[in-house]
Structure formats: structure tokens, C-alpha cells
Amino acid sequence: MKQKPTRDGETAEHIASVLRAEIIAGDREPGEVLYQEELADRFQTSRMPIRDSLKILEREGLVVVPANKSATVSPLDPASFVEINEMRAVAEPLALKIAMPELTNRQIDRAITIQDEAERSDIAVFAALNRDFHMALIQPCERPRLLAHIASLNDASQRYFHLTAVDLDYSTQSHDEHRALIAACMARNTEKACAILERHILSASEKMRIAMLSKA
């Protein structure tokens, strides 16, 4: 379905956001070709914003843009997934450490509300709620580059989640670890909270890596 055109055409950032959501949700298969002509027709714009949007997604690791060839959706592989989560396991505890002195009870309550919803929801929305929970606790760090880096890693990680999480009985462990993280944050125990967060990310990564290898 064509998007409604705007007076100035769709921006590269908007086009990238639409394609990013489709890739993360699994609506775009790994290796699928992204033809510039089709995208320009869909968004009713010239090829320049399309090329710019694909460059944005390439920097995020979501697409591959070979020289003189059409862009394709990036493949999924266990090694890349491990790398993504190794980076998350460093970046997110750092953000939480910086955020902790500024973390208010209201912000912790926001994380609790998200966690409550996650425990009531099915697997289809778990990934998005999991991301929102993590971001709620680290947002007070007020480091725009660090938060943007973490958000990009979370987007990349979600692609793998949709592929493997349905087959995993992981939600109970994740919920328990989130509750432990909340408790440490409420106690303002920065060292414990950061340790829980790091273990939580790496534990999930390992479980999903094993699941991916079993599917290979």
C-alpha cells in the first residue's frame, strides 16, 4: 500500500523508521532485496531519500548495501547476536550506573508498570515491553549518544528475539530478573543493580544463541 505523500516528500529518517520496524518485526526476511524503485514508488519520493534511509539502516546493521548492487536485509547469525549483546552488557550497566543518582521513585514506578504489563502480555509484544523496561531505568542518565547507541543495539537484538523467543521458555526467568533489578534500584544499590543487568543480558543472549544453533 502506498504511503500518503507529503508536500516535501517523505524524509529519509521516516522511511528508515518504517523499514526498521518491518525488519525488526520479521516482516522483511533476511536476505530480502530492497529495491529502490519499489521503495520510491511506495513512499512517493525520489531515490535520494531512499538511498539515505538505506544508509541509516546499514549503519545500524539492519541492511547490507554492496557497491553497485541493491540493498538486502542483513542475515541473522549467532555470532552477530552474541556481539550485539556483549555490547549491550557493557553499555546498559554503564548507563544505569550514571542514571542511578537521578533515578526517581516515579521513574522506577514507570518500570514496574511496564513489567506488570509484560507479565500479563503474550510473547508477541514481550520484546517491545522488554526494551521499554530497560530504557525506563537508564533514561535518567541523560547521555544522548549512549542512549541512542543502546536503542540501536536493542533494535538489532529484537530481530533475533522474534526468531527464537517463541520457542524458548524464557519469560519466567526474565520476569524474575527484572523484579530483582527493580528491587536493587529501589534500594539504590548501584553495584548490585548493574551486576544483575549485565548477567540478565548475557544469560538471555546465551539461551538464544543455543536456540539459533539448534535451528541451523
N, C-alpha and C. Protein backbone atom coordinates (compact mmCIF):
# COMPACT_ATOMS: atom_id res chain seq x y z
N MET A 1 0.84 -1.19 0.00
CA MET A 1 0.00 0.00 0.00
C MET A 1 0.88 1.25 0.00
N LYS A 2 0.56 2.19 -0.87
CA LYS A 2 1.34 3.41 -0.95
C LYS A 2 1.10 4.28 0.27
N GLN A 3 2.18 4.97 0.68
CA GLN A 3 2.06 5.91 1.77
C GLN A 3 1.54 7.24 1.22
N LYS A 4 0.78 7.96 2.01
CA LYS A 4 0.28 9.27 1.60
C LYS A 4 1.45 10.23 1.49
N PRO A 5 1.64 10.87 0.32
CA PRO A 5 2.78 11.77 0.15
C PRO A 5 2.59 13.06 0.92
N THR A 6 3.68 13.67 1.31
CA THR A 6 3.64 15.00 1.92
C THR A 6 4.14 16.00 0.90
N ARG A 7 3.98 17.27 1.20
CA ARG A 7 4.37 18.29 0.24
C ARG A 7 5.84 18.18 -0.12
N ASP A 8 6.67 17.92 0.86
CA ASP A 8 8.11 17.85 0.64
C ASP A 8 8.62 16.43 0.47
N GLY A 9 7.72 15.46 0.39
CA GLY A 9 8.15 14.08 0.28
C GLY A 9 8.53 13.51 1.63
N GLU A 10 8.62 12.20 1.71
CA GLU A 10 8.98 11.55 2.95
C GLU A 10 10.46 11.77 3.25
N THR A 11 10.80 11.97 4.49
CA THR A 11 12.18 12.15 4.87
C THR A 11 12.87 10.81 4.97
N ALA A 12 14.17 10.82 4.84
CA ALA A 12 14.95 9.58 4.97
C ALA A 12 14.76 8.97 6.35
N GLU A 13 14.67 9.81 7.37
CA GLU A 13 14.51 9.31 8.74
C GLU A 13 13.17 8.58 8.89
N HIS A 14 12.13 9.14 8.29
CA HIS A 14 10.82 8.49 8.38
C HIS A 14 10.80 7.16 7.63
N ILE A 15 11.36 7.16 6.44
CA ILE A 15 11.41 5.93 5.65
C ILE A 15 12.22 4.87 6.40
N ALA A 16 13.34 5.28 6.97
CA ALA A 16 14.16 4.34 7.74
C ALA A 16 13.39 3.79 8.92
N SER A 17 12.58 4.63 9.58
CA SER A 17 11.83 4.16 10.75
C SER A 17 10.79 3.12 10.36
N VAL A 18 10.15 3.31 9.20
CA VAL A 18 9.14 2.35 8.73
C VAL A 18 9.81 1.03 8.38
N LEU A 19 10.90 1.09 7.62
CA LEU A 19 11.60 -0.14 7.23
C LEU A 19 12.22 -0.83 8.43
N ARG A 20 12.73 -0.04 9.37
CA ARG A 20 13.32 -0.62 10.59
C ARG A 20 12.28 -1.45 11.34
N ALA A 21 11.09 -0.88 11.50
CA ALA A 21 10.02 -1.60 12.21
C ALA A 21 9.66 -2.89 11.50
N GLU A 22 9.63 -2.86 10.18
CA GLU A 22 9.29 -4.06 9.41
C GLU A 22 10.37 -5.13 9.54
N ILE A 23 11.63 -4.71 9.53
CA ILE A 23 12.73 -5.66 9.65
C ILE A 23 12.74 -6.28 11.05
N ILE A 24 12.59 -5.46 12.07
CA ILE A 24 12.62 -5.94 13.45
C ILE A 24 11.47 -6.92 13.71
N ALA A 25 10.30 -6.62 13.15
CA ALA A 25 9.13 -7.48 13.36
C ALA A 25 9.19 -8.77 12.56
N GLY A 26 10.17 -8.88 11.66
CA GLY A 26 10.28 -10.09 10.85
C GLY A 26 9.44 -10.05 9.59
N ASP A 27 8.86 -8.87 9.28
CA ASP A 27 8.07 -8.75 8.06
C ASP A 27 8.96 -8.72 6.82
N ARG A 28 10.21 -8.41 7.01
CA ARG A 28 11.22 -8.45 5.94
C ARG A 28 12.19 -9.58 6.24
N GLU A 29 12.28 -10.55 5.35
CA GLU A 29 13.11 -11.72 5.60
C GLU A 29 14.60 -11.40 5.44
N PRO A 30 15.47 -12.07 6.19
CA PRO A 30 16.91 -11.93 5.97
C PRO A 30 17.25 -12.25 4.52
N GLY A 31 18.05 -11.39 3.89
CA GLY A 31 18.42 -11.58 2.50
C GLY A 31 17.45 -11.00 1.50
N GLU A 32 16.31 -10.51 1.97
CA GLU A 32 15.32 -9.92 1.05
C GLU A 32 15.88 -8.66 0.40
N VAL A 33 15.68 -8.55 -0.91
CA VAL A 33 16.19 -7.38 -1.64
C VAL A 33 15.25 -6.20 -1.43
N LEU A 34 15.85 -5.05 -1.19
CA LEU A 34 15.10 -3.81 -1.02
C LEU A 34 15.34 -2.94 -2.26
N TYR A 35 14.45 -3.04 -3.21
CA TYR A 35 14.62 -2.32 -4.47
C TYR A 35 14.28 -0.85 -4.31
N GLN A 36 15.21 0.00 -4.72
CA GLN A 36 14.99 1.44 -4.57
C GLN A 36 13.78 1.92 -5.36
N GLU A 37 13.59 1.35 -6.56
CA GLU A 37 12.45 1.78 -7.37
C GLU A 37 11.13 1.50 -6.67
N GLU A 38 11.01 0.30 -6.09
CA GLU A 38 9.77 -0.07 -5.40
C GLU A 38 9.55 0.80 -4.17
N LEU A 39 10.64 1.07 -3.44
CA LEU A 39 10.51 1.90 -2.24
C LEU A 39 10.16 3.35 -2.60
N ALA A 40 10.76 3.85 -3.66
CA ALA A 40 10.45 5.22 -4.09
C ALA A 40 8.99 5.33 -4.50
N ASP A 41 8.47 4.29 -5.17
CA ASP A 41 7.07 4.29 -5.56
C ASP A 41 6.15 4.20 -4.33
N ARG A 42 6.54 3.33 -3.40
CA ARG A 42 5.73 3.16 -2.19
C ARG A 42 5.62 4.45 -1.39
N PHE A 43 6.76 5.13 -1.20
CA PHE A 43 6.77 6.34 -0.38
C PHE A 43 6.56 7.61 -1.19
N GLN A 44 6.38 7.43 -2.52
CA GLN A 44 6.13 8.55 -3.42
C GLN A 44 7.16 9.65 -3.24
N THR A 45 8.41 9.27 -3.42
CA THR A 45 9.51 10.21 -3.28
C THR A 45 10.59 9.84 -4.29
N SER A 46 11.63 10.64 -4.36
CA SER A 46 12.74 10.34 -5.26
C SER A 46 13.63 9.28 -4.63
N ARG A 47 14.63 8.85 -5.38
CA ARG A 47 15.53 7.81 -4.86
C ARG A 47 16.50 8.34 -3.81
N MET A 48 16.73 9.65 -3.79
CA MET A 48 17.71 10.18 -2.85
C MET A 48 17.33 9.89 -1.39
N PRO A 49 16.09 10.19 -0.94
CA PRO A 49 15.74 9.84 0.44
C PRO A 49 15.78 8.33 0.69
N ILE A 50 15.47 7.55 -0.35
CA ILE A 50 15.53 6.09 -0.21
C ILE A 50 16.97 5.66 0.06
N ARG A 51 17.90 6.17 -0.74
CA ARG A 51 19.32 5.83 -0.55
C ARG A 51 19.79 6.25 0.83
N ASP A 52 19.38 7.45 1.26
CA ASP A 52 19.80 7.93 2.58
C ASP A 52 19.21 7.07 3.69
N SER A 53 17.97 6.64 3.53
CA SER A 53 17.36 5.78 4.56
C SER A 53 18.07 4.44 4.64
N LEU A 54 18.48 3.90 3.49
CA LEU A 54 19.18 2.62 3.49
C LEU A 54 20.57 2.75 4.13
N LYS A 55 21.19 3.91 3.97
CA LYS A 55 22.48 4.15 4.62
C LYS A 55 22.30 4.19 6.15
N ILE A 56 21.20 4.79 6.60
CA ILE A 56 20.92 4.81 8.04
C ILE A 56 20.80 3.38 8.57
N LEU A 57 20.04 2.56 7.86
CA LEU A 57 19.82 1.18 8.29
C LEU A 57 21.09 0.34 8.16
N GLU A 58 21.93 0.69 7.20
CA GLU A 58 23.20 -0.01 7.07
C GLU A 58 24.10 0.27 8.27
N ARG A 59 24.13 1.52 8.73
CA ARG A 59 24.93 1.87 9.90
C ARG A 59 24.43 1.14 11.14
N GLU A 60 23.14 0.85 11.18
CA GLU A 60 22.56 0.14 12.31
C GLU A 60 22.71 -1.38 12.19
N GLY A 61 23.26 -1.83 11.07
CA GLY A 61 23.45 -3.26 10.88
C GLY A 61 22.22 -4.01 10.43
N LEU A 62 21.18 -3.30 10.01
CA LEU A 62 19.92 -3.96 9.62
C LEU A 62 19.86 -4.28 8.13
N VAL A 63 20.63 -3.58 7.32
CA VAL A 63 20.69 -3.89 5.90
C VAL A 63 22.14 -3.91 5.44
N VAL A 64 22.34 -4.56 4.30
CA VAL A 64 23.65 -4.61 3.66
C VAL A 64 23.52 -3.90 2.32
N VAL A 65 24.44 -2.98 2.02
CA VAL A 65 24.37 -2.23 0.77
C VAL A 65 25.70 -2.42 0.02
N PRO A 66 25.80 -3.51 -0.77
CA PRO A 66 27.03 -3.74 -1.54
C PRO A 66 27.19 -2.67 -2.63
N ALA A 67 28.42 -2.44 -3.04
CA ALA A 67 28.69 -1.47 -4.11
C ALA A 67 28.01 -1.91 -5.40
N ASN A 68 27.28 -0.98 -6.01
CA ASN A 68 26.63 -1.21 -7.31
C ASN A 68 25.62 -2.35 -7.29
N LYS A 69 25.08 -2.67 -6.13
CA LYS A 69 24.06 -3.70 -6.03
C LYS A 69 22.92 -3.21 -5.13
N SER A 70 21.78 -3.87 -5.25
CA SER A 70 20.64 -3.49 -4.42
C SER A 70 20.89 -3.86 -2.96
N ALA A 71 20.31 -3.09 -2.08
CA ALA A 71 20.41 -3.37 -0.64
C ALA A 71 19.61 -4.63 -0.31
N THR A 72 20.07 -5.35 0.69
CA THR A 72 19.35 -6.52 1.18
C THR A 72 19.25 -6.45 2.70
N VAL A 73 18.24 -7.11 3.25
CA VAL A 73 18.10 -7.20 4.70
C VAL A 73 19.24 -8.06 5.24
N SER A 74 19.88 -7.60 6.29
CA SER A 74 21.04 -8.30 6.85
C SER A 74 20.67 -9.72 7.28
N PRO A 75 21.60 -10.66 7.12
CA PRO A 75 21.35 -12.02 7.60
C PRO A 75 21.38 -12.07 9.12
N LEU A 76 20.80 -13.11 9.66
CA LEU A 76 20.85 -13.35 11.09
C LEU A 76 21.86 -14.47 11.36
N ASP A 77 22.76 -14.23 12.30
CA ASP A 77 23.70 -15.29 12.64
C ASP A 77 24.06 -15.19 14.12
N PRO A 78 24.33 -16.33 14.75
CA PRO A 78 24.61 -16.35 16.19
C PRO A 78 25.76 -15.45 16.61
N ALA A 79 26.83 -15.39 15.79
CA ALA A 79 28.00 -14.60 16.16
C ALA A 79 27.64 -13.11 16.27
N SER A 80 26.84 -12.62 15.33
CA SER A 80 26.42 -11.22 15.37
C SER A 80 25.55 -10.94 16.59
N PHE A 81 24.66 -11.89 16.90
CA PHE A 81 23.79 -11.73 18.05
C PHE A 81 24.60 -11.66 19.35
N VAL A 82 25.60 -12.53 19.47
CA VAL A 82 26.46 -12.51 20.66
C VAL A 82 27.18 -11.16 20.76
N GLU A 83 27.69 -10.67 19.64
CA GLU A 83 28.39 -9.38 19.65
C GLU A 83 27.47 -8.25 20.09
N ILE A 84 26.24 -8.24 19.57
CA ILE A 84 25.27 -7.21 19.94
C ILE A 84 25.06 -7.19 21.45
N ASN A 85 24.90 -8.38 22.04
CA ASN A 85 24.59 -8.44 23.46
C ASN A 85 25.82 -8.26 24.34
N GLU A 86 26.99 -8.58 23.83
CA GLU A 86 28.21 -8.22 24.56
C GLU A 86 28.32 -6.71 24.68
N MET A 87 27.96 -6.01 23.61
CA MET A 87 27.99 -4.54 23.63
C MET A 87 26.91 -3.99 24.57
N ARG A 88 25.72 -4.60 24.52
CA ARG A 88 24.65 -4.18 25.45
C ARG A 88 25.06 -4.39 26.91
N ALA A 89 25.75 -5.50 27.17
CA ALA A 89 26.11 -5.84 28.55
C ALA A 89 27.14 -4.87 29.12
N VAL A 90 27.79 -4.11 28.26
CA VAL A 90 28.71 -3.06 28.71
C VAL A 90 27.98 -1.71 28.77
N ALA A 91 27.24 -1.41 27.70
CA ALA A 91 26.63 -0.08 27.58
C ALA A 91 25.49 0.14 28.57
N GLU A 92 24.62 -0.85 28.74
CA GLU A 92 23.45 -0.64 29.61
C GLU A 92 23.82 -0.51 31.09
N PRO A 93 24.71 -1.36 31.63
CA PRO A 93 25.12 -1.13 33.02
C PRO A 93 25.82 0.22 33.22
N LEU A 94 26.58 0.66 32.21
CA LEU A 94 27.20 1.98 32.30
C LEU A 94 26.14 3.06 32.40
N ALA A 95 25.11 2.97 31.54
CA ALA A 95 24.04 3.95 31.57
C ALA A 95 23.29 3.90 32.91
N LEU A 96 23.06 2.69 33.41
CA LEU A 96 22.36 2.56 34.69
C LEU A 96 23.19 3.14 35.84
N LYS A 97 24.49 2.93 35.80
CA LYS A 97 25.37 3.48 36.84
C LYS A 97 25.29 5.01 36.86
N ILE A 98 25.29 5.61 35.67
CA ILE A 98 25.20 7.06 35.58
C ILE A 98 23.81 7.53 35.98
N ALA A 99 22.79 6.75 35.62
CA ALA A 99 21.40 7.14 35.87
C ALA A 99 21.01 7.04 37.34
N MET A 100 21.61 6.11 38.07
CA MET A 100 21.13 5.78 39.41
C MET A 100 20.97 6.99 40.35
N PRO A 101 21.92 7.92 40.41
CA PRO A 101 21.73 9.06 41.32
C PRO A 101 20.54 9.94 40.95
N GLU A 102 20.11 9.87 39.67
CA GLU A 102 18.99 10.70 39.20
C GLU A 102 17.69 9.91 39.10
N LEU A 103 17.73 8.61 39.37
CA LEU A 103 16.57 7.75 39.21
C LEU A 103 15.56 8.00 40.33
N THR A 104 14.38 8.48 39.99
CA THR A 104 13.36 8.81 40.99
C THR A 104 12.43 7.63 41.22
N ASN A 105 11.69 7.70 42.31
CA ASN A 105 10.70 6.66 42.58
C ASN A 105 9.64 6.61 41.48
N ARG A 106 9.30 7.75 40.94
CA ARG A 106 8.32 7.79 39.86
C ARG A 106 8.83 7.05 38.64
N GLN A 107 10.10 7.21 38.32
CA GLN A 107 10.67 6.51 37.17
C GLN A 107 10.75 5.01 37.41
N ILE A 108 11.06 4.63 38.65
CA ILE A 108 11.05 3.20 38.99
C ILE A 108 9.62 2.66 38.90
N ASP A 109 8.65 3.44 39.34
CA ASP A 109 7.25 3.02 39.23
C ASP A 109 6.86 2.83 37.76
N ARG A 110 7.41 3.66 36.88
CA ARG A 110 7.14 3.51 35.45
C ARG A 110 7.67 2.16 34.97
N ALA A 111 8.87 1.79 35.41
CA ALA A 111 9.43 0.49 35.03
C ALA A 111 8.58 -0.65 35.58
N ILE A 112 8.07 -0.49 36.79
CA ILE A 112 7.21 -1.51 37.41
C ILE A 112 5.92 -1.66 36.60
N THR A 113 5.35 -0.57 36.16
CA THR A 113 4.13 -0.61 35.35
C THR A 113 4.37 -1.37 34.05
N ILE A 114 5.50 -1.10 33.42
CA ILE A 114 5.84 -1.82 32.18
C ILE A 114 6.03 -3.30 32.46
N GLN A 115 6.70 -3.61 33.56
CA GLN A 115 6.92 -5.01 33.92
C GLN A 115 5.61 -5.73 34.22
N ASP A 116 4.71 -5.05 34.92
CA ASP A 116 3.40 -5.63 35.18
C ASP A 116 2.69 -5.98 33.88
N GLU A 117 2.76 -5.07 32.91
CA GLU A 117 2.12 -5.30 31.62
C GLU A 117 2.79 -6.47 30.89
N ALA A 118 4.11 -6.54 30.97
CA ALA A 118 4.84 -7.62 30.30
C ALA A 118 4.42 -8.98 30.86
N GLU A 119 4.19 -9.06 32.14
CA GLU A 119 3.81 -10.33 32.77
C GLU A 119 2.38 -10.74 32.43
N ARG A 120 1.57 -9.76 32.00
CA ARG A 120 0.20 -10.07 31.59
C ARG A 120 0.08 -10.33 30.10
N SER A 121 1.10 -9.95 29.33
CA SER A 121 1.02 -9.97 27.87
C SER A 121 1.56 -11.27 27.29
N ASP A 122 1.26 -11.49 26.00
CA ASP A 122 1.79 -12.69 25.36
C ASP A 122 3.12 -12.38 24.69
N ILE A 123 3.71 -13.40 24.10
CA ILE A 123 5.07 -13.31 23.55
C ILE A 123 5.16 -12.32 22.39
N ALA A 124 4.03 -12.04 21.73
CA ALA A 124 4.06 -11.17 20.55
C ALA A 124 4.51 -9.75 20.88
N VAL A 125 4.21 -9.29 22.11
CA VAL A 125 4.57 -7.92 22.49
C VAL A 125 5.67 -7.89 23.55
N PHE A 126 6.16 -9.06 23.94
CA PHE A 126 7.14 -9.12 25.02
C PHE A 126 8.42 -8.36 24.68
N ALA A 127 8.89 -8.50 23.44
CA ALA A 127 10.16 -7.86 23.06
C ALA A 127 10.09 -6.35 23.21
N ALA A 128 8.99 -5.75 22.75
CA ALA A 128 8.85 -4.29 22.85
C ALA A 128 8.76 -3.84 24.30
N LEU A 129 8.02 -4.59 25.11
CA LEU A 129 7.90 -4.23 26.53
C LEU A 129 9.22 -4.42 27.25
N ASN A 130 9.96 -5.45 26.88
CA ASN A 130 11.28 -5.68 27.47
C ASN A 130 12.21 -4.51 27.19
N ARG A 131 12.19 -4.04 25.95
CA ARG A 131 13.00 -2.88 25.58
C ARG A 131 12.58 -1.65 26.37
N ASP A 132 11.26 -1.42 26.46
CA ASP A 132 10.76 -0.24 27.19
C ASP A 132 11.15 -0.30 28.67
N PHE A 133 11.12 -1.49 29.25
CA PHE A 133 11.52 -1.65 30.65
C PHE A 133 12.97 -1.23 30.85
N HIS A 134 13.85 -1.75 30.02
CA HIS A 134 15.27 -1.43 30.14
C HIS A 134 15.50 0.07 29.97
N MET A 135 14.86 0.65 28.94
CA MET A 135 15.08 2.07 28.66
C MET A 135 14.54 2.95 29.78
N ALA A 136 13.47 2.53 30.44
CA ALA A 136 12.88 3.33 31.53
C ALA A 136 13.86 3.53 32.67
N LEU A 137 14.66 2.52 32.96
CA LEU A 137 15.60 2.60 34.08
C LEU A 137 16.88 3.37 33.74
N ILE A 138 17.27 3.37 32.48
CA ILE A 138 18.53 4.03 32.12
C ILE A 138 18.32 5.43 31.55
N GLN A 139 17.09 5.80 31.23
CA GLN A 139 16.82 7.10 30.61
C GLN A 139 17.37 8.28 31.42
N PRO A 140 17.31 8.25 32.77
CA PRO A 140 17.81 9.40 33.53
C PRO A 140 19.30 9.66 33.41
N CYS A 141 20.04 8.80 32.74
CA CYS A 141 21.49 9.07 32.60
C CYS A 141 21.74 10.31 31.76
N GLU A 142 20.77 10.66 30.90
CA GLU A 142 20.85 11.88 30.08
C GLU A 142 22.16 11.95 29.29
N ARG A 143 22.50 10.85 28.67
CA ARG A 143 23.64 10.79 27.75
C ARG A 143 23.08 10.43 26.38
N PRO A 144 22.77 11.43 25.55
CA PRO A 144 22.06 11.17 24.28
C PRO A 144 22.77 10.16 23.38
N ARG A 145 24.08 10.27 23.25
CA ARG A 145 24.80 9.35 22.37
C ARG A 145 24.76 7.92 22.92
N LEU A 146 24.94 7.79 24.22
CA LEU A 146 24.91 6.47 24.84
C LEU A 146 23.53 5.85 24.71
N LEU A 147 22.49 6.63 24.95
CA LEU A 147 21.13 6.11 24.84
C LEU A 147 20.78 5.75 23.40
N ALA A 148 21.24 6.54 22.44
CA ALA A 148 20.99 6.23 21.04
C ALA A 148 21.72 4.94 20.64
N HIS A 149 22.93 4.77 21.15
CA HIS A 149 23.70 3.55 20.90
C HIS A 149 22.97 2.34 21.45
N ILE A 150 22.47 2.45 22.67
CA ILE A 150 21.76 1.34 23.30
C ILE A 150 20.46 1.04 22.56
N ALA A 151 19.74 2.08 22.15
CA ALA A 151 18.49 1.88 21.42
C ALA A 151 18.74 1.15 20.11
N SER A 152 19.82 1.50 19.43
CA SER A 152 20.17 0.83 18.17
C SER A 152 20.50 -0.64 18.41
N LEU A 153 21.24 -0.93 19.47
CA LEU A 153 21.56 -2.32 19.81
C LEU A 153 20.30 -3.11 20.14
N ASN A 154 19.38 -2.47 20.86
CA ASN A 154 18.13 -3.13 21.19
C ASN A 154 17.30 -3.44 19.95
N ASP A 155 17.29 -2.52 18.99
CA ASP A 155 16.58 -2.77 17.74
C ASP A 155 17.17 -3.99 17.02
N ALA A 156 18.50 -4.04 16.95
CA ALA A 156 19.14 -5.16 16.29
C ALA A 156 18.87 -6.47 17.02
N SER A 157 18.86 -6.41 18.34
CA SER A 157 18.63 -7.61 19.15
C SER A 157 17.21 -8.14 18.99
N GLN A 158 16.24 -7.23 18.81
CA GLN A 158 14.85 -7.65 18.71
C GLN A 158 14.58 -8.54 17.50
N ARG A 159 15.34 -8.35 16.42
CA ARG A 159 15.16 -9.22 15.25
C ARG A 159 15.37 -10.67 15.63
N TYR A 160 16.40 -10.91 16.41
CA TYR A 160 16.71 -12.28 16.83
C TYR A 160 15.67 -12.78 17.81
N PHE A 161 15.17 -11.89 18.63
CA PHE A 161 14.17 -12.28 19.62
C PHE A 161 12.94 -12.87 18.92
N HIS A 162 12.49 -12.19 17.88
CA HIS A 162 11.30 -12.67 17.17
C HIS A 162 11.55 -14.03 16.52
N LEU A 163 12.80 -14.30 16.18
CA LEU A 163 13.13 -15.57 15.55
C LEU A 163 13.16 -16.72 16.54
N THR A 164 13.66 -16.47 17.76
CA THR A 164 13.95 -17.56 18.69
C THR A 164 13.09 -17.61 19.93
N ALA A 165 12.60 -16.47 20.40
CA ALA A 165 11.97 -16.42 21.72
C ALA A 165 10.68 -17.23 21.79
N VAL A 166 9.99 -17.34 20.68
CA VAL A 166 8.74 -18.10 20.69
C VAL A 166 8.99 -19.55 21.11
N ASP A 167 10.16 -20.08 20.75
CA ASP A 167 10.49 -21.47 21.07
C ASP A 167 11.12 -21.64 22.44
N LEU A 168 11.37 -20.53 23.14
CA LEU A 168 12.05 -20.61 24.43
C LEU A 168 11.08 -20.42 25.58
N ASP A 169 11.31 -21.15 26.65
CA ASP A 169 10.55 -20.93 27.88
C ASP A 169 11.39 -20.01 28.77
N TYR A 170 11.50 -18.75 28.34
CA TYR A 170 12.43 -17.83 28.99
C TYR A 170 11.72 -16.74 29.78
N SER A 171 10.43 -16.54 29.55
CA SER A 171 9.75 -15.38 30.12
C SER A 171 9.79 -15.38 31.65
N THR A 172 9.62 -16.55 32.29
CA THR A 172 9.62 -16.59 33.76
C THR A 172 10.95 -16.12 34.32
N GLN A 173 12.04 -16.61 33.75
CA GLN A 173 13.37 -16.18 34.21
C GLN A 173 13.56 -14.68 33.99
N SER A 174 13.14 -14.20 32.83
CA SER A 174 13.28 -12.77 32.52
C SER A 174 12.50 -11.92 33.52
N HIS A 175 11.27 -12.33 33.81
CA HIS A 175 10.46 -11.57 34.76
C HIS A 175 11.11 -11.55 36.15
N ASP A 176 11.62 -12.70 36.57
CA ASP A 176 12.27 -12.77 37.89
C ASP A 176 13.49 -11.85 37.94
N GLU A 177 14.27 -11.83 36.88
CA GLU A 177 15.47 -10.99 36.85
C GLU A 177 15.09 -9.51 36.81
N HIS A 178 14.02 -9.19 36.09
CA HIS A 178 13.55 -7.79 36.08
C HIS A 178 13.10 -7.35 37.47
N ARG A 179 12.41 -8.23 38.19
CA ARG A 179 11.97 -7.90 39.54
C ARG A 179 13.16 -7.70 40.48
N ALA A 180 14.18 -8.53 40.31
CA ALA A 180 15.39 -8.37 41.12
C ALA A 180 16.09 -7.05 40.81
N LEU A 181 16.08 -6.68 39.54
CA LEU A 181 16.69 -5.41 39.13
C LEU A 181 15.91 -4.24 39.72
N ILE A 182 14.60 -4.32 39.70
CA ILE A 182 13.78 -3.27 40.31
C ILE A 182 14.10 -3.12 41.80
N ALA A 183 14.19 -4.25 42.47
CA ALA A 183 14.47 -4.21 43.92
C ALA A 183 15.81 -3.55 44.20
N ALA A 184 16.82 -3.87 43.41
CA ALA A 184 18.14 -3.26 43.60
C ALA A 184 18.10 -1.76 43.31
N CYS A 185 17.32 -1.36 42.31
CA CYS A 185 17.18 0.06 42.01
C CYS A 185 16.44 0.79 43.13
N MET A 186 15.41 0.17 43.68
CA MET A 186 14.67 0.79 44.78
C MET A 186 15.55 0.96 46.01
N ALA A 187 16.47 0.02 46.20
CA ALA A 187 17.42 0.11 47.32
C ALA A 187 18.58 1.05 47.02
N ARG A 188 18.62 1.54 45.78
CA ARG A 188 19.71 2.41 45.30
C ARG A 188 21.07 1.71 45.45
N ASN A 189 21.06 0.40 45.22
CA ASN A 189 22.29 -0.40 45.26
C ASN A 189 22.83 -0.48 43.84
N THR A 190 23.64 0.49 43.49
CA THR A 190 24.11 0.61 42.11
C THR A 190 24.93 -0.60 41.68
N GLU A 191 25.86 -1.03 42.51
CA GLU A 191 26.72 -2.15 42.14
C GLU A 191 25.90 -3.42 41.88
N LYS A 192 24.94 -3.70 42.76
CA LYS A 192 24.12 -4.90 42.59
C LYS A 192 23.23 -4.79 41.35
N ALA A 193 22.63 -3.63 41.16
CA ALA A 193 21.75 -3.44 40.01
C ALA A 193 22.50 -3.62 38.70
N CYS A 194 23.69 -3.05 38.61
CA CYS A 194 24.48 -3.17 37.38
C CYS A 194 24.90 -4.63 37.14
N ALA A 195 25.23 -5.34 38.21
CA ALA A 195 25.62 -6.75 38.08
C ALA A 195 24.44 -7.59 37.62
N ILE A 196 23.27 -7.33 38.18
CA ILE A 196 22.06 -8.07 37.76
C ILE A 196 21.77 -7.81 36.29
N LEU A 197 21.86 -6.55 35.88
CA LEU A 197 21.57 -6.18 34.49
C LEU A 197 22.54 -6.85 33.53
N GLU A 198 23.82 -6.85 33.86
CA GLU A 198 24.81 -7.49 32.98
C GLU A 198 24.53 -8.98 32.85
N ARG A 199 24.31 -9.66 33.98
CA ARG A 199 24.02 -11.11 33.93
C ARG A 199 22.75 -11.40 33.15
N HIS A 200 21.75 -10.55 33.33
CA HIS A 200 20.47 -10.72 32.65
C HIS A 200 20.64 -10.68 31.14
N ILE A 201 21.38 -9.72 30.64
CA ILE A 201 21.60 -9.58 29.20
C ILE A 201 22.39 -10.77 28.65
N LEU A 202 23.46 -11.13 29.33
CA LEU A 202 24.32 -12.22 28.84
C LEU A 202 23.64 -13.57 28.95
N SER A 203 22.84 -13.78 29.97
CA SER A 203 22.12 -15.05 30.12
C SER A 203 21.12 -15.23 29.00
N ALA A 204 20.35 -14.19 28.69
CA ALA A 204 19.38 -14.28 27.59
C ALA A 204 20.09 -14.50 26.27
N SER A 205 21.22 -13.82 26.09
CA SER A 205 21.98 -13.96 24.86
C SER A 205 22.43 -15.41 24.65
N GLU A 206 22.92 -16.03 25.70
CA GLU A 206 23.40 -17.40 25.57
C GLU A 206 22.26 -18.37 25.26
N LYS A 207 21.13 -18.20 25.92
CA LYS A 207 19.98 -19.07 25.66
C LYS A 207 19.52 -18.95 24.22
N MET A 208 19.47 -17.75 23.71
CA MET A 208 19.00 -17.55 22.34
C MET A 208 20.06 -18.00 21.33
N ARG A 209 21.33 -17.85 21.67
CA ARG A 209 22.39 -18.34 20.77
C ARG A 209 22.26 -19.85 20.60
N ILE A 210 22.05 -20.56 21.68
CA ILE A 210 21.90 -22.00 21.63
C ILE A 210 20.65 -22.38 20.82
N ALA A 211 19.58 -21.61 21.01
CA ALA A 211 18.35 -21.86 20.25
C ALA A 211 18.58 -21.68 18.76
N MET A 212 19.33 -20.64 18.39
CA MET A 212 19.62 -20.41 16.97
C MET A 212 20.45 -21.53 16.37
N LEU A 213 21.45 -21.99 17.12
CA LEU A 213 22.30 -23.08 16.63
C LEU A 213 21.49 -24.36 16.44
N SER A 214 20.51 -24.58 17.30
CA SER A 214 19.68 -25.79 17.18
C SER A 214 18.80 -25.75 15.95
N LYS A 215 18.50 -24.52 15.45
CA LYS A 215 17.67 -24.38 14.28
C LYS A 215 18.47 -24.48 12.99
N ALA A 216 19.80 -24.33 13.12
CA ALA A 216 20.64 -24.30 11.91
C ALA A 216 20.66 -25.64 11.20
